[in-house]
Amino acid sequence: AGAPARRRPPDRVRALAGLTLRARVVSESNFPSGAGIASSASAFAALSLAASHAAGLDLSEAELSALARLGSGSACRSVPTGFVEWQAGDRHETSYAVSIAPPDHWALTDVIAIVSTGHKPVGSSEGHRLAPTSPLHIARVASVPARLAAAKAALLARDLAAFGPPVEEDALTMHAVMMTSRPPLHYWLPATVAVMRAVLRWRTDGLGVYFSIDAGPNVHCLCLAEDAPQVEAGLRRLRSVQAVRIALPGGGARLLDRHLF
C-alpha cells in the first residue's frame, strides 16, 4: 500500500474543478479498516470517483487511477477492472494502474484469514518512512521488477504453481524490510505465523495454496476457486483465526444509484 500524499484527493478534486465547496462524505465497508487488509484501496478509489463525479469532472480511467493514488498507492489498483498492474511512471500523470486481464480470466480466489480486527499501531505512511533505514531495502527494491515479471507471466498463463512463489517471496521480503528497519516494525502475530505454517503444510500435502501478507497481521491465502472451500474449512479449524473472508477478481470502481444518506 502506498503512503498517503500530502494533498488528499478531495483537495485535488477541488483544485481541478475550480471549486471551494465542501462535501459530506459517508462510507461503509465489509472489511475491517486499519487492520492491514488494504481497506484504504477501496476507500480512496470510491472517494476519488464519487468526488470527481460530484465536481463535474470527466476523468479518464488513467487520470482517476492517478488521483486515487494520491490517497493510497493501493487505491490506484482498485480503479480498473479485473487483474491490474500499477505502472510506476516517472511523474504523477504516468503513475497509474491498468487492467491486464478481465475478472473472468482466471478463477483465482483470495481466502483471507482474519486473525486481528484491531487497528494496527503503526500505519503504512510511517512504514514507508522507515523502510529506507533497513539494510535490506535497496536489495528488495532492486529485486521487484523480476518478481513482477514472473508473477505477471504466470497470471496471464493461469499457472498457480508459477504465480505463488514470487507472491510469497515479495510478501516475505517486504516484512523482512520492516522487521529490520530502525526502529523495527513487527506486524506479525503468533496467529499470523500459524496460518503461514498451515498453508505450507497444506501445500506439502498437495493442496494448491499460497500466502501473502499486507502491512498487517492478516493473511491472504491464494488458491483456485475449486480449492477455496477446502482452504476456508482448514482456516476455520485454526483456533487463532477469528473470521474468514472470500474475495474474487472483481470489477473496477463504479457509480451506484444507492446512496448512504
C-alpha atoms as a PDB file:
ATOM      1  CA  ALA A   1       0.000   0.000   0.000  1.00  0.00           C
ATOM      2  CA  GLY A   2       1.304   3.433  -0.845  1.00  0.00           C
ATOM      3  CA  ALA A   3       1.730   6.165   1.691  1.00  0.00           C
ATOM      4  CA  PRO A   4      -0.941   8.877   1.700  1.00  0.00           C
ATOM      5  CA  ALA A   5       0.195  12.004  -0.117  1.00  0.00           C
ATOM      6  CA  ARG A   6       0.336  15.434   1.459  1.00  0.00           C
ATOM      7  CA  ARG A   7      -2.569  16.599  -0.679  1.00  0.00           C
ATOM      8  CA  ARG A   8      -5.593  14.345  -0.334  1.00  0.00           C
ATOM      9  CA  PRO A   9      -7.891  13.591  -3.307  1.00  0.00           C
ATOM     10  CA  PRO A  10     -10.720  15.915  -2.122  1.00  0.00           C
ATOM     11  CA  ASP A  11      -8.347  18.915  -2.189  1.00  0.00           C
ATOM     12  CA  ARG A  12      -7.002  17.828  -5.561  1.00  0.00           C
ATOM     13  CA  VAL A  13     -10.539  17.477  -6.917  1.00  0.00           C
ATOM     14  CA  ARG A  14     -11.458  20.963  -5.742  1.00  0.00           C
ATOM     15  CA  ALA A  15      -8.340  22.335  -7.414  1.00  0.00           C
ATOM     16  CA  LEU A  16      -9.050  20.502 -10.684  1.00  0.00           C
ATOM     17  CA  ALA A  17     -12.674  21.627 -10.754  1.00  0.00           C
ATOM     18  CA  GLY A  18     -12.051  25.158  -9.523  1.00  0.00           C
ATOM     19  CA  LEU A  19     -14.383  24.664  -6.577  1.00  0.00           C
ATOM     20  CA  THR A  20     -14.269  25.726  -2.947  1.00  0.00           C
ATOM     21  CA  LEU A  21     -17.320  23.735  -1.899  1.00  0.00           C
ATOM     22  CA  ARG A  22     -17.093  21.214   0.918  1.00  0.00           C
ATOM     23  CA  ALA A  23     -18.876  17.873   0.917  1.00  0.00           C
ATOM     24  CA  ARG A  24     -20.348  15.431   3.370  1.00  0.00           C
ATOM     25  CA  VAL A  25     -18.737  12.014   2.855  1.00  0.00           C
ATOM     26  CA  VAL A  26     -20.278   8.797   4.177  1.00  0.00           C
ATOM     27  CA  SER A  27     -18.738   5.401   3.507  1.00  0.00           C
ATOM     28  CA  GLU A  28     -19.121   1.791   4.516  1.00  0.00           C
ATOM     29  CA  SER A  29     -17.037  -1.343   4.046  1.00  0.00           C
ATOM     30  CA  ASN A  30     -17.417  -5.041   4.775  1.00  0.00           C
ATOM     31  CA  PHE A  31     -13.699  -5.330   5.594  1.00  0.00           C
ATOM     32  CA  PRO A  32     -12.028  -4.223   8.836  1.00  0.00           C
ATOM     33  CA  SER A  33     -10.311  -0.854   8.413  1.00  0.00           C
ATOM     34  CA  GLY A  34      -6.758  -0.180   9.545  1.00  0.00           C
ATOM     35  CA  ALA A  35      -6.137  -3.901  10.054  1.00  0.00           C
ATOM     36  CA  GLY A  36      -3.694  -4.416   7.215  1.00  0.00           C
ATOM     37  CA  ILE A  37      -6.111  -5.687   4.557  1.00  0.00           C
ATOM     38  CA  ALA A  38      -5.670  -2.657   2.287  1.00  0.00           C
ATOM     39  CA  SER A  39      -9.023  -1.118   3.208  1.00  0.00           C
ATOM     40  CA  SER A  40      -7.658   2.235   2.023  1.00  0.00           C
ATOM     41  CA  ALA A  41      -7.589   0.847  -1.526  1.00  0.00           C
ATOM     42  CA  SER A  42     -11.356   0.574  -1.951  1.00  0.00           C
ATOM     43  CA  ALA A  43     -11.966   3.639   0.212  1.00  0.00           C
ATOM     44  CA  PHE A  44      -9.869   6.064  -1.808  1.00  0.00           C
ATOM     45  CA  ALA A  45     -10.904   4.566  -5.147  1.00  0.00           C
ATOM     46  CA  ALA A  46     -14.546   5.120  -4.198  1.00  0.00           C
ATOM     47  CA  LEU A  47     -13.861   8.588  -2.807  1.00  0.00           C
ATOM     48  CA  SER A  48     -11.940   9.653  -5.918  1.00  0.00           C
ATOM     49  CA  LEU A  49     -14.682   8.507  -8.283  1.00  0.00           C
ATOM     50  CA  ALA A  50     -17.521   9.966  -6.207  1.00  0.00           C
ATOM     51  CA  ALA A  51     -15.762  13.276  -5.593  1.00  0.00           C
ATOM     52  CA  SER A  52     -14.663  13.815  -9.196  1.00  0.00           C
ATOM     53  CA  HIS A  53     -18.141  12.940 -10.494  1.00  0.00           C
ATOM     54  CA  ALA A  54     -19.825  15.258  -7.999  1.00  0.00           C
ATOM     55  CA  ALA A  55     -17.434  18.043  -9.012  1.00  0.00           C
ATOM     56  CA  GLY A  56     -18.387  17.623 -12.665  1.00  0.00           C
ATOM     57  CA  LEU A  57     -15.006  16.283 -13.785  1.00  0.00           C
ATOM     58  CA  ASP A  58     -14.832  13.846 -16.689  1.00  0.00           C
ATOM     59  CA  LEU A  59     -11.627  11.952 -15.879  1.00  0.00           C
ATOM     60  CA  SER A  60     -10.236   9.077 -17.908  1.00  0.00           C
ATOM     61  CA  GLU A  61      -9.565   5.802 -16.123  1.00  0.00           C
ATOM     62  CA  ALA A  62      -5.840   6.599 -16.036  1.00  0.00           C
ATOM     63  CA  GLU A  63      -6.498  10.050 -14.575  1.00  0.00           C
ATOM     64  CA  LEU A  64      -8.885   8.623 -11.982  1.00  0.00           C
ATOM     65  CA  SER A  65      -6.366   5.930 -11.032  1.00  0.00           C
ATOM     66  CA  ALA A  66      -3.623   8.527 -10.607  1.00  0.00           C
ATOM     67  CA  LEU A  67      -5.970  10.650  -8.499  1.00  0.00           C
ATOM     68  CA  ALA A  68      -6.816   7.705  -6.227  1.00  0.00           C
ATOM     69  CA  ARG A  69      -3.098   7.019  -5.823  1.00  0.00           C
ATOM     70  CA  LEU A  70      -2.723  10.342  -4.013  1.00  0.00           C
ATOM     71  CA  GLY A  71      -4.835   8.938  -1.195  1.00  0.00           C
ATOM     72  CA  SER A  72      -3.315   5.465  -1.123  1.00  0.00           C
ATOM     73  CA  GLY A  73      -0.992   3.711  -3.539  1.00  0.00           C
ATOM     74  CA  SER A  74      -3.174   0.605  -3.409  1.00  0.00           C
ATOM     75  CA  ALA A  75      -6.222   2.641  -4.414  1.00  0.00           C
ATOM     76  CA  CYS A  76      -4.940   3.213  -7.938  1.00  0.00           C
ATOM     77  CA  ARG A  77      -5.199  -0.547  -8.484  1.00  0.00           C
ATOM     78  CA  SER A  78      -8.835  -0.586  -7.369  1.00  0.00           C
ATOM     79  CA  VAL A  79      -9.992   1.695 -10.169  1.00  0.00           C
ATOM     80  CA  PRO A  80      -9.552  -0.566 -13.260  1.00  0.00           C
ATOM     81  CA  THR A  81     -11.356  -3.883 -13.597  1.00  0.00           C
ATOM     82  CA  GLY A  82     -10.109  -7.429 -13.043  1.00  0.00           C
ATOM     83  CA  PHE A  83      -6.403  -8.134 -12.731  1.00  0.00           C
ATOM     84  CA  VAL A  84      -4.383  -4.929 -12.829  1.00  0.00           C
ATOM     85  CA  GLU A  85      -0.798  -3.701 -12.871  1.00  0.00           C
ATOM     86  CA  TRP A  86       0.413  -0.447 -11.344  1.00  0.00           C
ATOM     87  CA  GLN A  87       2.694   1.402 -13.764  1.00  0.00           C
ATOM     88  CA  ALA A  88       5.468   3.053 -11.764  1.00  0.00           C
ATOM     89  CA  GLY A  89       5.754   6.047 -14.091  1.00  0.00           C
ATOM     90  CA  ASP A  90       8.181   8.915 -13.649  1.00  0.00           C
ATOM     91  CA  ARG A  91       5.684  11.606 -12.643  1.00  0.00           C
ATOM     92  CA  HIS A  92       2.160  11.890 -11.245  1.00  0.00           C
ATOM     93  CA  GLU A  93       0.416  11.645 -14.618  1.00  0.00           C
ATOM     94  CA  THR A  94       2.204   8.436 -15.643  1.00  0.00           C
ATOM     95  CA  SER A  95       1.871   6.522 -12.372  1.00  0.00           C
ATOM     96  CA  TYR A  96      -1.448   4.683 -12.583  1.00  0.00           C
ATOM     97  CA  ALA A  97      -2.891   1.173 -12.859  1.00  0.00           C
ATOM     98  CA  VAL A  98      -4.091  -0.610 -15.986  1.00  0.00           C
ATOM     99  CA  SER A  99      -6.126  -3.770 -16.441  1.00  0.00           C
ATOM    100  CA  ILE A 100      -4.087  -6.682 -17.814  1.00  0.00           C
ATOM    101  CA  ALA A 101      -6.883  -9.284 -17.739  1.00  0.00           C
ATOM    102  CA  PRO A 102     -10.647  -9.253 -17.109  1.00  0.00           C
ATOM    103  CA  PRO A 103     -12.167 -10.688 -13.911  1.00  0.00           C
ATOM    104  CA  ASP A 104     -13.137 -13.940 -15.620  1.00  0.00           C
ATOM    105  CA  HIS A 105      -9.623 -14.532 -16.959  1.00  0.00           C
ATOM    106  CA  TRP A 106      -8.692 -16.776 -14.040  1.00  0.00           C
ATOM    107  CA  ALA A 107     -10.644 -18.346 -11.174  1.00  0.00           C
ATOM    108  CA  LEU A 108      -8.130 -17.163  -8.588  1.00  0.00           C
ATOM    109  CA  THR A 109      -9.636 -16.868  -5.114  1.00  0.00           C
ATOM    110  CA  ASP A 110      -8.358 -14.944  -2.103  1.00  0.00           C
ATOM    111  CA  VAL A 111      -9.357 -16.690   1.125  1.00  0.00           C
ATOM    112  CA  ILE A 112      -8.496 -14.155   3.806  1.00  0.00           C
ATOM    113  CA  ALA A 113      -7.687 -15.320   7.320  1.00  0.00           C
ATOM    114  CA  ILE A 114      -8.526 -12.519   9.738  1.00  0.00           C
ATOM    115  CA  VAL A 115      -6.552 -13.021  12.926  1.00  0.00           C
ATOM    116  CA  SER A 116      -6.994  -9.479  14.229  1.00  0.00           C
ATOM    117  CA  THR A 117      -9.500  -6.719  13.502  1.00  0.00           C
ATOM    118  CA  GLY A 118      -7.732  -4.201  15.705  1.00  0.00           C
ATOM    119  CA  HIS A 119      -6.314  -1.018  14.210  1.00  0.00           C
ATOM    120  CA  LYS A 120      -2.616  -1.557  13.567  1.00  0.00           C
ATOM    121  CA  PRO A 121      -0.419   0.600  15.832  1.00  0.00           C
ATOM    122  CA  VAL A 122       1.835   1.826  13.013  1.00  0.00           C
ATOM    123  CA  GLY A 123       0.263   2.941   9.751  1.00  0.00           C
ATOM    124  CA  SER A 124       1.535   2.451   6.206  1.00  0.00           C
ATOM    125  CA  SER A 125       2.788   6.034   5.971  1.00  0.00           C
ATOM    126  CA  GLU A 126       5.151   5.514   8.872  1.00  0.00           C
ATOM    127  CA  GLY A 127       6.184   2.138   7.479  1.00  0.00           C
ATOM    128  CA  HIS A 128       7.161   3.750   4.189  1.00  0.00           C
ATOM    129  CA  ARG A 129       9.173   6.377   6.034  1.00  0.00           C
ATOM    130  CA  LEU A 130      11.070   3.701   7.971  1.00  0.00           C
ATOM    131  CA  ALA A 131      11.764   1.380   5.007  1.00  0.00           C
ATOM    132  CA  PRO A 132      14.963   3.129   3.809  1.00  0.00           C
ATOM    133  CA  THR A 133      16.514   2.616   7.259  1.00  0.00           C
ATOM    134  CA  SER A 134      16.585  -1.147   6.673  1.00  0.00           C
ATOM    135  CA  PRO A 135      19.796  -2.616   5.212  1.00  0.00           C
ATOM    136  CA  LEU A 136      17.569  -4.884   3.107  1.00  0.00           C
ATOM    137  CA  HIS A 137      15.538  -2.110   1.485  1.00  0.00           C
ATOM    138  CA  ILE A 138      17.751  -1.434  -1.539  1.00  0.00           C
ATOM    139  CA  ALA A 139      18.046  -5.132  -2.351  1.00  0.00           C
ATOM    140  CA  ARG A 140      14.289  -5.614  -2.140  1.00  0.00           C
ATOM    141  CA  VAL A 141      13.513  -2.688  -4.434  1.00  0.00           C
ATOM    142  CA  ALA A 142      16.091  -3.950  -6.953  1.00  0.00           C
ATOM    143  CA  SER A 143      14.502  -7.403  -6.980  1.00  0.00           C
ATOM    144  CA  VAL A 144      10.908  -6.242  -7.510  1.00  0.00           C
ATOM    145  CA  PRO A 145      10.934  -5.995 -11.350  1.00  0.00           C
ATOM    146  CA  ALA A 146      11.939  -9.655 -11.761  1.00  0.00           C
ATOM    147  CA  ARG A 147       9.251 -10.834  -9.339  1.00  0.00           C
ATOM    148  CA  LEU A 148       6.649  -8.649 -11.018  1.00  0.00           C
ATOM    149  CA  ALA A 149       7.529 -10.028 -14.443  1.00  0.00           C
ATOM    150  CA  ALA A 150       7.368 -13.613 -13.170  1.00  0.00           C
ATOM    151  CA  ALA A 151       4.040 -13.085 -11.404  1.00  0.00           C
ATOM    152  CA  LYS A 152       2.513 -11.294 -14.413  1.00  0.00           C
ATOM    153  CA  ALA A 153       3.579 -14.034 -16.834  1.00  0.00           C
ATOM    154  CA  ALA A 154       2.194 -16.722 -14.519  1.00  0.00           C
ATOM    155  CA  LEU A 155      -1.067 -14.824 -14.071  1.00  0.00           C
ATOM    156  CA  LEU A 156      -1.591 -14.457 -17.798  1.00  0.00           C
ATOM    157  CA  ALA A 157      -0.793 -18.171 -18.216  1.00  0.00           C
ATOM    158  CA  ARG A 158      -3.104 -19.093 -15.301  1.00  0.00           C
ATOM    159  CA  ASP A 159      -0.234 -21.005 -13.690  1.00  0.00           C
ATOM    160  CA  LEU A 160      -0.703 -21.045  -9.902  1.00  0.00           C
ATOM    161  CA  ALA A 161       2.479 -23.062  -9.275  1.00  0.00           C
ATOM    162  CA  ALA A 162       4.495 -20.324 -11.007  1.00  0.00           C
ATOM    163  CA  PHE A 163       2.422 -17.455  -9.586  1.00  0.00           C
ATOM    164  CA  GLY A 164       2.566 -18.371  -5.902  1.00  0.00           C
ATOM    165  CA  PRO A 165       6.342 -18.360  -5.212  1.00  0.00           C
ATOM    166  CA  PRO A 166       7.070 -14.763  -6.316  1.00  0.00           C
ATOM    167  CA  VAL A 167       3.945 -13.597  -4.460  1.00  0.00           C
ATOM    168  CA  GLU A 168       5.080 -15.252  -1.231  1.00  0.00           C
ATOM    169  CA  GLU A 169       8.641 -14.040  -1.721  1.00  0.00           C
ATOM    170  CA  ASP A 170       7.520 -10.454  -2.187  1.00  0.00           C
ATOM    171  CA  ALA A 171       5.427 -10.509   0.984  1.00  0.00           C
ATOM    172  CA  LEU A 172       8.266 -12.031   2.995  1.00  0.00           C
ATOM    173  CA  THR A 173      10.877  -9.581   1.713  1.00  0.00           C
ATOM    174  CA  MET A 174       8.566  -6.654   2.471  1.00  0.00           C
ATOM    175  CA  HIS A 175       8.140  -7.805   6.053  1.00  0.00           C
ATOM    176  CA  ALA A 176      11.864  -8.523   6.309  1.00  0.00           C
ATOM    177  CA  VAL A 177      12.486  -4.866   5.466  1.00  0.00           C
ATOM    178  CA  MET A 178      10.005  -3.765   8.120  1.00  0.00           C
ATOM    179  CA  MET A 179      11.465  -6.089  10.736  1.00  0.00           C
ATOM    180  CA  THR A 180      14.979  -4.742  10.103  1.00  0.00           C
ATOM    181  CA  SER A 181      14.083  -1.056   9.911  1.00  0.00           C
ATOM    182  CA  ARG A 182      15.101   1.338  12.664  1.00  0.00           C
ATOM    183  CA  PRO A 183      13.123   1.101  14.812  1.00  0.00           C
ATOM    184  CA  PRO A 184      11.889  -2.332  13.746  1.00  0.00           C
ATOM    185  CA  LEU A 185       8.274  -2.729  12.715  1.00  0.00           C
ATOM    186  CA  HIS A 186       6.599  -6.036  13.535  1.00  0.00           C
ATOM    187  CA  TYR A 187       3.116  -6.695  12.196  1.00  0.00           C
ATOM    188  CA  TRP A 188       3.032 -10.466  12.554  1.00  0.00           C
ATOM    189  CA  LEU A 189       1.204 -12.095  15.451  1.00  0.00           C
ATOM    190  CA  PRO A 190       1.591 -15.729  16.571  1.00  0.00           C
ATOM    191  CA  ALA A 191      -1.673 -16.333  14.701  1.00  0.00           C
ATOM    192  CA  THR A 192      -0.103 -14.947  11.507  1.00  0.00           C
ATOM    193  CA  VAL A 193       2.699 -17.482  11.713  1.00  0.00           C
ATOM    194  CA  ALA A 194       0.212 -20.260  12.480  1.00  0.00           C
ATOM    195  CA  VAL A 195      -1.672 -19.548   9.247  1.00  0.00           C
ATOM    196  CA  MET A 196       1.539 -19.377   7.226  1.00  0.00           C
ATOM    197  CA  ARG A 197       2.688 -22.723   8.633  1.00  0.00           C
ATOM    198  CA  ALA A 198      -0.706 -24.249   7.865  1.00  0.00           C
ATOM    199  CA  VAL A 199      -0.519 -23.061   4.248  1.00  0.00           C
ATOM    200  CA  LEU A 200       2.945 -24.588   3.860  1.00  0.00           C
ATOM    201  CA  ARG A 201       1.690 -27.843   5.375  1.00  0.00           C
ATOM    202  CA  TRP A 202      -1.347 -27.969   3.098  1.00  0.00           C
ATOM    203  CA  ARG A 203       0.822 -27.359   0.071  1.00  0.00           C
ATOM    204  CA  THR A 204       3.136 -30.182   1.071  1.00  0.00           C
ATOM    205  CA  ASP A 205       0.045 -32.385   1.214  1.00  0.00           C
ATOM    206  CA  GLY A 206      -0.807 -31.446  -2.371  1.00  0.00           C
ATOM    207  CA  LEU A 207      -3.230 -28.529  -1.951  1.00  0.00           C
ATOM    208  CA  GLY A 208      -2.512 -25.601  -4.276  1.00  0.00           C
ATOM    209  CA  VAL A 209      -2.449 -22.597  -1.955  1.00  0.00           C
ATOM    210  CA  TYR A 210      -0.009 -19.736  -1.347  1.00  0.00           C
ATOM    211  CA  PHE A 211       0.031 -16.886   1.159  1.00  0.00           C
ATOM    212  CA  SER A 212       0.536 -13.150   1.006  1.00  0.00           C
ATOM    213  CA  ILE A 213       0.513 -10.596   3.808  1.00  0.00           C
ATOM    214  CA  ASP A 214      -0.090  -6.862   3.575  1.00  0.00           C
ATOM    215  CA  ALA A 215       1.164  -4.361   6.135  1.00  0.00           C
ATOM    216  CA  GLY A 216      -0.677  -6.062   8.967  1.00  0.00           C
ATOM    217  CA  PRO A 217      -1.178  -9.433  10.698  1.00  0.00           C
ATOM    218  CA  ASN A 218      -3.899 -10.914   8.490  1.00  0.00           C
ATOM    219  CA  VAL A 219      -3.108 -13.472   5.807  1.00  0.00           C
ATOM    220  CA  HIS A 220      -4.319 -13.801   2.209  1.00  0.00           C
ATOM    221  CA  CYS A 221      -4.469 -17.435   1.076  1.00  0.00           C
ATOM    222  CA  LEU A 222      -4.492 -17.616  -2.722  1.00  0.00           C
ATOM    223  CA  CYS A 223      -5.880 -20.677  -4.455  1.00  0.00           C
ATOM    224  CA  LEU A 224      -8.089 -21.775  -7.324  1.00  0.00           C
ATOM    225  CA  ALA A 225     -11.856 -21.475  -6.871  1.00  0.00           C
ATOM    226  CA  GLU A 226     -12.249 -25.254  -6.786  1.00  0.00           C
ATOM    227  CA  ASP A 227      -9.922 -25.485  -3.768  1.00  0.00           C
ATOM    228  CA  ALA A 228     -11.321 -22.472  -1.897  1.00  0.00           C
ATOM    229  CA  PRO A 229     -13.841 -24.487   0.199  1.00  0.00           C
ATOM    230  CA  GLN A 230     -11.057 -26.758   1.468  1.00  0.00           C
ATOM    231  CA  VAL A 231      -8.804 -23.793   2.276  1.00  0.00           C
ATOM    232  CA  GLU A 232     -11.648 -21.990   4.028  1.00  0.00           C
ATOM    233  CA  ALA A 233     -12.511 -25.077   6.082  1.00  0.00           C
ATOM    234  CA  GLY A 234      -8.882 -25.502   7.080  1.00  0.00           C
ATOM    235  CA  LEU A 235      -8.611 -21.882   8.197  1.00  0.00           C
ATOM    236  CA  ARG A 236     -11.801 -22.091  10.239  1.00  0.00           C
ATOM    237  CA  ARG A 237     -10.344 -25.060  12.113  1.00  0.00           C
ATOM    238  CA  LEU A 238      -7.437 -22.927  13.316  1.00  0.00           C
ATOM    239  CA  ARG A 239      -8.260 -21.521  16.735  1.00  0.00           C
ATOM    240  CA  SER A 240      -6.287 -18.360  16.047  1.00  0.00           C
ATOM    241  CA  VAL A 241      -8.445 -17.371  13.044  1.00  0.00           C
ATOM    242  CA  GLN A 242     -11.292 -15.058  14.055  1.00  0.00           C
ATOM    243  CA  ALA A 243     -13.045 -14.884  10.690  1.00  0.00           C
ATOM    244  CA  VAL A 244     -12.630 -15.783   7.042  1.00  0.00           C
ATOM    245  CA  ARG A 245     -13.487 -13.594   4.042  1.00  0.00           C
ATOM    246  CA  ILE A 246     -13.619 -14.698   0.406  1.00  0.00           C
ATOM    247  CA  ALA A 247     -12.606 -12.304  -2.358  1.00  0.00           C
ATOM    248  CA  LEU A 248     -12.767 -12.908  -6.104  1.00  0.00           C
ATOM    249  CA  PRO A 249     -11.455 -10.854  -9.026  1.00  0.00           C
ATOM    250  CA  GLY A 250     -13.911  -8.016  -9.342  1.00  0.00           C
ATOM    251  CA  GLY A 251     -14.935  -5.103 -11.481  1.00  0.00           C
ATOM    252  CA  GLY A 252     -13.443  -1.660 -11.210  1.00  0.00           C
ATOM    253  CA  ALA A 253     -14.718   1.382  -9.362  1.00  0.00           C
ATOM    254  CA  ARG A 254     -18.218   2.330 -10.493  1.00  0.00           C
ATOM    255  CA  LEU A 255     -21.010   4.686  -9.586  1.00  0.00           C
ATOM    256  CA  LEU A 256     -24.154   3.325  -7.926  1.00  0.00           C
ATOM    257  CA  ASP A 257     -27.630   4.752  -7.590  1.00  0.00           C
ATOM    258  CA  ARG A 258     -27.841   3.701  -3.926  1.00  0.00           C
ATOM    259  CA  HIS A 259     -26.867   6.481  -1.545  1.00  0.00           C
ATOM    260  CA  LEU A 260     -25.744   6.028   2.043  1.00  0.00           C
ATOM    261  CA  PHE A 261     -27.530   9.192   3.245  1.00  0.00           C
END
